[in-house]
């Protein structure tokens, strides 16, 4: 059962992220399902667990009224340090972790909109958090990462 997280969100640096990865073991990339990123559309939060332990909780922006964010359980399909949307006027999508067709978890520069629906369906993160998530997926591997999106 999922419990509601407190209003205080965990913020972590890349250095702390590396330390966290080391804490969970040098062979983390070889273990199955070590990272679970759970996105709550109703709370506009992404909680990341590493090896079953809560590690991060970040505000997100998901699809607005006109654009749906798909729900379900996904594996990353591809990653790009920088991607430009072919569909939306070459909009920059830094640290993109694609999980379903053109949908991705990626950075946004519209940080004032985080915590409320504002995207065309992607899961937007603060640039620092997107870089950390990207590094985490890179470290543990896409095959060992699950992105779960719930209402």
C-alpha atoms as a PDB file:
ATOM      1  CA  UNK A   1       0.000   0.000   0.000  1.00  0.00           C
ATOM      2  CA  UNK A   2       1.295   3.471  -0.875  1.00  0.00           C
ATOM      3  CA  UNK A   3       1.339   6.158   1.775  1.00  0.00           C
ATOM      4  CA  UNK A   4       1.155   9.851   1.069  1.00  0.00           C
ATOM      5  CA  UNK A   5       4.526  11.552   1.251  1.00  0.00           C
ATOM      6  CA  UNK A   6       5.061  14.666   3.303  1.00  0.00           C
ATOM      7  CA  UNK A   7       5.078  18.097   1.708  1.00  0.00           C
ATOM      8  CA  UNK A   8       8.844  18.272   2.214  1.00  0.00           C
ATOM      9  CA  UNK A   9      10.431  16.744  -0.893  1.00  0.00           C
ATOM     10  CA  UNK A  10      13.829  15.114  -0.863  1.00  0.00           C
ATOM     11  CA  UNK A  11      16.409  17.031  -2.879  1.00  0.00           C
ATOM     12  CA  UNK A  12      19.740  15.371  -3.579  1.00  0.00           C
ATOM     13  CA  UNK A  13      22.908  16.317  -5.408  1.00  0.00           C
ATOM     14  CA  UNK A  14      24.698  14.282  -8.041  1.00  0.00           C
ATOM     15  CA  UNK A  15      27.493  13.590  -5.522  1.00  0.00           C
ATOM     16  CA  UNK A  16      24.972  12.233  -3.036  1.00  0.00           C
ATOM     17  CA  UNK A  17      23.380  10.221  -5.851  1.00  0.00           C
ATOM     18  CA  UNK A  18      26.726   8.568  -6.585  1.00  0.00           C
ATOM     19  CA  UNK A  19      27.161   7.813  -2.885  1.00  0.00           C
ATOM     20  CA  UNK A  20      23.664   6.304  -2.822  1.00  0.00           C
ATOM     21  CA  UNK A  21      24.487   4.084  -5.800  1.00  0.00           C
ATOM     22  CA  UNK A  22      27.642   2.919  -4.032  1.00  0.00           C
ATOM     23  CA  UNK A  23      25.658   2.283  -0.849  1.00  0.00           C
ATOM     24  CA  UNK A  24      23.424  -0.150  -2.751  1.00  0.00           C
ATOM     25  CA  UNK A  25      26.415  -2.101  -4.002  1.00  0.00           C
ATOM     26  CA  UNK A  26      28.913  -2.201  -6.816  1.00  0.00           C
ATOM     27  CA  UNK A  27      26.919  -4.941  -8.563  1.00  0.00           C
ATOM     28  CA  UNK A  28      23.689  -2.912  -8.575  1.00  0.00           C
ATOM     29  CA  UNK A  29      23.618  -2.889 -12.375  1.00  0.00           C
ATOM     30  CA  UNK A  30      23.317  -6.682 -12.357  1.00  0.00           C
ATOM     31  CA  UNK A  31      20.288  -6.976 -10.070  1.00  0.00           C
ATOM     32  CA  UNK A  32      16.722  -7.097 -11.423  1.00  0.00           C
ATOM     33  CA  UNK A  33      14.285  -4.220 -10.820  1.00  0.00           C
ATOM     34  CA  UNK A  34      16.565  -2.256  -8.540  1.00  0.00           C
ATOM     35  CA  UNK A  35      15.048   1.143  -9.400  1.00  0.00           C
ATOM     36  CA  UNK A  36      11.349   1.931  -9.304  1.00  0.00           C
ATOM     37  CA  UNK A  37      10.197   5.427 -10.234  1.00  0.00           C
ATOM     38  CA  UNK A  38       6.559   5.797  -9.193  1.00  0.00           C
ATOM     39  CA  UNK A  39       4.775   8.817 -10.688  1.00  0.00           C
ATOM     40  CA  UNK A  40       1.509   9.908  -9.077  1.00  0.00           C
ATOM     41  CA  UNK A  41      -0.607  11.919 -11.513  1.00  0.00           C
ATOM     42  CA  UNK A  42      -2.911  13.098  -8.712  1.00  0.00           C
ATOM     43  CA  UNK A  43      -0.046  14.230  -6.459  1.00  0.00           C
ATOM     44  CA  UNK A  44       2.312  15.370  -9.255  1.00  0.00           C
ATOM     45  CA  UNK A  45       5.223  13.639  -7.539  1.00  0.00           C
ATOM     46  CA  UNK A  46       7.772  11.047  -8.615  1.00  0.00           C
ATOM     47  CA  UNK A  47       9.097   8.815  -5.847  1.00  0.00           C
ATOM     48  CA  UNK A  48      12.201   6.787  -6.618  1.00  0.00           C
ATOM     49  CA  UNK A  49      13.114   3.666  -4.682  1.00  0.00           C
ATOM     50  CA  UNK A  50      16.485   1.995  -4.971  1.00  0.00           C
ATOM     51  CA  UNK A  51      16.561  -1.664  -3.988  1.00  0.00           C
ATOM     52  CA  UNK A  52      13.173  -1.231  -2.308  1.00  0.00           C
ATOM     53  CA  UNK A  53      14.311   1.721  -0.200  1.00  0.00           C
ATOM     54  CA  UNK A  54      12.877   5.224  -0.707  1.00  0.00           C
ATOM     55  CA  UNK A  55      15.648   7.424  -2.075  1.00  0.00           C
ATOM     56  CA  UNK A  56      14.079  10.455  -3.780  1.00  0.00           C
ATOM     57  CA  UNK A  57      10.794  12.337  -4.062  1.00  0.00           C
ATOM     58  CA  UNK A  58      10.527  15.086  -6.658  1.00  0.00           C
ATOM     59  CA  UNK A  59       7.779  17.371  -7.923  1.00  0.00           C
ATOM     60  CA  UNK A  60       6.796  16.700 -11.540  1.00  0.00           C
ATOM     61  CA  UNK A  61       4.548  18.101 -14.223  1.00  0.00           C
ATOM     62  CA  UNK A  62       2.604  15.565 -16.247  1.00  0.00           C
ATOM     63  CA  UNK A  63       0.033  15.910 -19.029  1.00  0.00           C
ATOM     64  CA  UNK A  64      -2.328  18.868 -18.917  1.00  0.00           C
ATOM     65  CA  UNK A  65      -6.081  18.630 -19.606  1.00  0.00           C
ATOM     66  CA  UNK A  66      -5.535  18.326 -23.352  1.00  0.00           C
ATOM     67  CA  UNK A  67      -2.657  15.813 -23.193  1.00  0.00           C
ATOM     68  CA  UNK A  68      -2.702  12.484 -21.396  1.00  0.00           C
ATOM     69  CA  UNK A  69       0.234  10.880 -19.617  1.00  0.00           C
ATOM     70  CA  UNK A  70      -0.038   7.098 -20.066  1.00  0.00           C
ATOM     71  CA  UNK A  71      -0.534   5.010 -16.939  1.00  0.00           C
ATOM     72  CA  UNK A  72       0.976   1.608 -16.327  1.00  0.00           C
ATOM     73  CA  UNK A  73       4.350   0.018 -15.735  1.00  0.00           C
ATOM     74  CA  UNK A  74       7.125   0.707 -18.242  1.00  0.00           C
ATOM     75  CA  UNK A  75      10.824   0.061 -18.858  1.00  0.00           C
ATOM     76  CA  UNK A  76      13.063   2.736 -20.349  1.00  0.00           C
ATOM     77  CA  UNK A  77      13.371   2.180 -24.100  1.00  0.00           C
ATOM     78  CA  UNK A  78      16.060   4.741 -24.905  1.00  0.00           C
ATOM     79  CA  UNK A  79      17.979   7.591 -23.309  1.00  0.00           C
ATOM     80  CA  UNK A  80      19.368  10.872 -24.634  1.00  0.00           C
ATOM     81  CA  UNK A  81      21.403  13.450 -22.746  1.00  0.00           C
ATOM     82  CA  UNK A  82      19.741  16.031 -24.986  1.00  0.00           C
ATOM     83  CA  UNK A  83      16.735  15.453 -27.232  1.00  0.00           C
ATOM     84  CA  UNK A  84      14.715  17.938 -29.234  1.00  0.00           C
ATOM     85  CA  UNK A  85      11.037  17.189 -29.777  1.00  0.00           C
ATOM     86  CA  UNK A  86      10.240  16.695 -33.431  1.00  0.00           C
ATOM     87  CA  UNK A  87       6.538  17.012 -32.606  1.00  0.00           C
ATOM     88  CA  UNK A  88       6.668  20.232 -30.537  1.00  0.00           C
ATOM     89  CA  UNK A  89       8.833  22.794 -32.385  1.00  0.00           C
ATOM     90  CA  UNK A  90      12.184  21.286 -31.395  1.00  0.00           C
ATOM     91  CA  UNK A  91      11.439  21.857 -27.707  1.00  0.00           C
ATOM     92  CA  UNK A  92      14.495  20.850 -25.662  1.00  0.00           C
ATOM     93  CA  UNK A  93      14.158  17.708 -23.556  1.00  0.00           C
ATOM     94  CA  UNK A  94      17.377  17.418 -21.518  1.00  0.00           C
ATOM     95  CA  UNK A  95      18.196  14.116 -19.817  1.00  0.00           C
ATOM     96  CA  UNK A  96      15.391  12.214 -21.540  1.00  0.00           C
ATOM     97  CA  UNK A  97      14.526   8.700 -20.423  1.00  0.00           C
ATOM     98  CA  UNK A  98      11.919   7.483 -22.933  1.00  0.00           C
ATOM     99  CA  UNK A  99       9.488   4.844 -21.692  1.00  0.00           C
ATOM    100  CA  UNK A 100       6.580   4.632 -24.161  1.00  0.00           C
ATOM    101  CA  UNK A 101       6.865   5.817 -27.754  1.00  0.00           C
ATOM    102  CA  UNK A 102       7.470   9.563 -27.596  1.00  0.00           C
ATOM    103  CA  UNK A 103       6.802   9.828 -23.850  1.00  0.00           C
ATOM    104  CA  UNK A 104       9.768  10.480 -21.588  1.00  0.00           C
ATOM    105  CA  UNK A 105      10.873  11.549 -18.153  1.00  0.00           C
ATOM    106  CA  UNK A 106      12.957  14.673 -18.847  1.00  0.00           C
ATOM    107  CA  UNK A 107      14.068  18.054 -17.554  1.00  0.00           C
ATOM    108  CA  UNK A 108      12.047  21.218 -17.966  1.00  0.00           C
ATOM    109  CA  UNK A 109      12.998  24.851 -17.758  1.00  0.00           C
ATOM    110  CA  UNK A 110       9.414  25.694 -16.694  1.00  0.00           C
ATOM    111  CA  UNK A 111      10.243  24.911 -13.067  1.00  0.00           C
ATOM    112  CA  UNK A 112       7.516  27.201 -11.720  1.00  0.00           C
ATOM    113  CA  UNK A 113       4.961  24.789 -13.229  1.00  0.00           C
ATOM    114  CA  UNK A 114       6.325  21.748 -11.373  1.00  0.00           C
ATOM    115  CA  UNK A 115       3.742  20.254  -9.041  1.00  0.00           C
ATOM    116  CA  UNK A 116       0.890  20.789 -11.502  1.00  0.00           C
ATOM    117  CA  UNK A 117      -0.116  19.261 -14.848  1.00  0.00           C
ATOM    118  CA  UNK A 118       1.548  21.265 -17.629  1.00  0.00           C
ATOM    119  CA  UNK A 119       3.144  18.950 -20.193  1.00  0.00           C
ATOM    120  CA  UNK A 120       2.097  17.371 -23.471  1.00  0.00           C
ATOM    121  CA  UNK A 121       2.137  13.998 -21.697  1.00  0.00           C
ATOM    122  CA  UNK A 122       5.766  13.614 -20.666  1.00  0.00           C
ATOM    123  CA  UNK A 123       6.910  13.567 -17.044  1.00  0.00           C
ATOM    124  CA  UNK A 124       8.851  16.777 -16.451  1.00  0.00           C
ATOM    125  CA  UNK A 125      11.408  17.202 -13.668  1.00  0.00           C
ATOM    126  CA  UNK A 126      13.598  20.011 -12.362  1.00  0.00           C
ATOM    127  CA  UNK A 127      16.836  19.958 -14.416  1.00  0.00           C
ATOM    128  CA  UNK A 128      18.931  18.858 -11.414  1.00  0.00           C
ATOM    129  CA  UNK A 129      16.538  16.021 -10.605  1.00  0.00           C
ATOM    130  CA  UNK A 130      16.305  14.934 -14.247  1.00  0.00           C
ATOM    131  CA  UNK A 131      20.104  14.767 -14.422  1.00  0.00           C
ATOM    132  CA  UNK A 132      20.174  12.692 -11.220  1.00  0.00           C
ATOM    133  CA  UNK A 133      17.450  10.338 -12.491  1.00  0.00           C
ATOM    134  CA  UNK A 134      19.241   9.962 -15.826  1.00  0.00           C
ATOM    135  CA  UNK A 135      22.491   9.136 -14.020  1.00  0.00           C
ATOM    136  CA  UNK A 136      20.694   6.646 -11.780  1.00  0.00           C
ATOM    137  CA  UNK A 137      19.130   4.835 -14.759  1.00  0.00           C
ATOM    138  CA  UNK A 138      22.497   4.881 -16.515  1.00  0.00           C
ATOM    139  CA  UNK A 139      24.208   3.428 -13.423  1.00  0.00           C
ATOM    140  CA  UNK A 140      21.720   0.631 -12.726  1.00  0.00           C
ATOM    141  CA  UNK A 141      20.688   0.082 -16.347  1.00  0.00           C
ATOM    142  CA  UNK A 142      17.362   0.513 -18.148  1.00  0.00           C
ATOM    143  CA  UNK A 143      16.610  -3.210 -17.766  1.00  0.00           C
ATOM    144  CA  UNK A 144      16.804  -2.771 -13.967  1.00  0.00           C
ATOM    145  CA  UNK A 145      14.550   0.287 -13.949  1.00  0.00           C
ATOM    146  CA  UNK A 146      10.750   0.459 -13.801  1.00  0.00           C
ATOM    147  CA  UNK A 147       8.697   3.584 -14.359  1.00  0.00           C
ATOM    148  CA  UNK A 148       5.240   3.142 -12.849  1.00  0.00           C
ATOM    149  CA  UNK A 149       2.628   5.803 -13.520  1.00  0.00           C
ATOM    150  CA  UNK A 150      -0.557   5.783 -11.449  1.00  0.00           C
ATOM    151  CA  UNK A 151      -3.587   8.053 -11.257  1.00  0.00           C
END
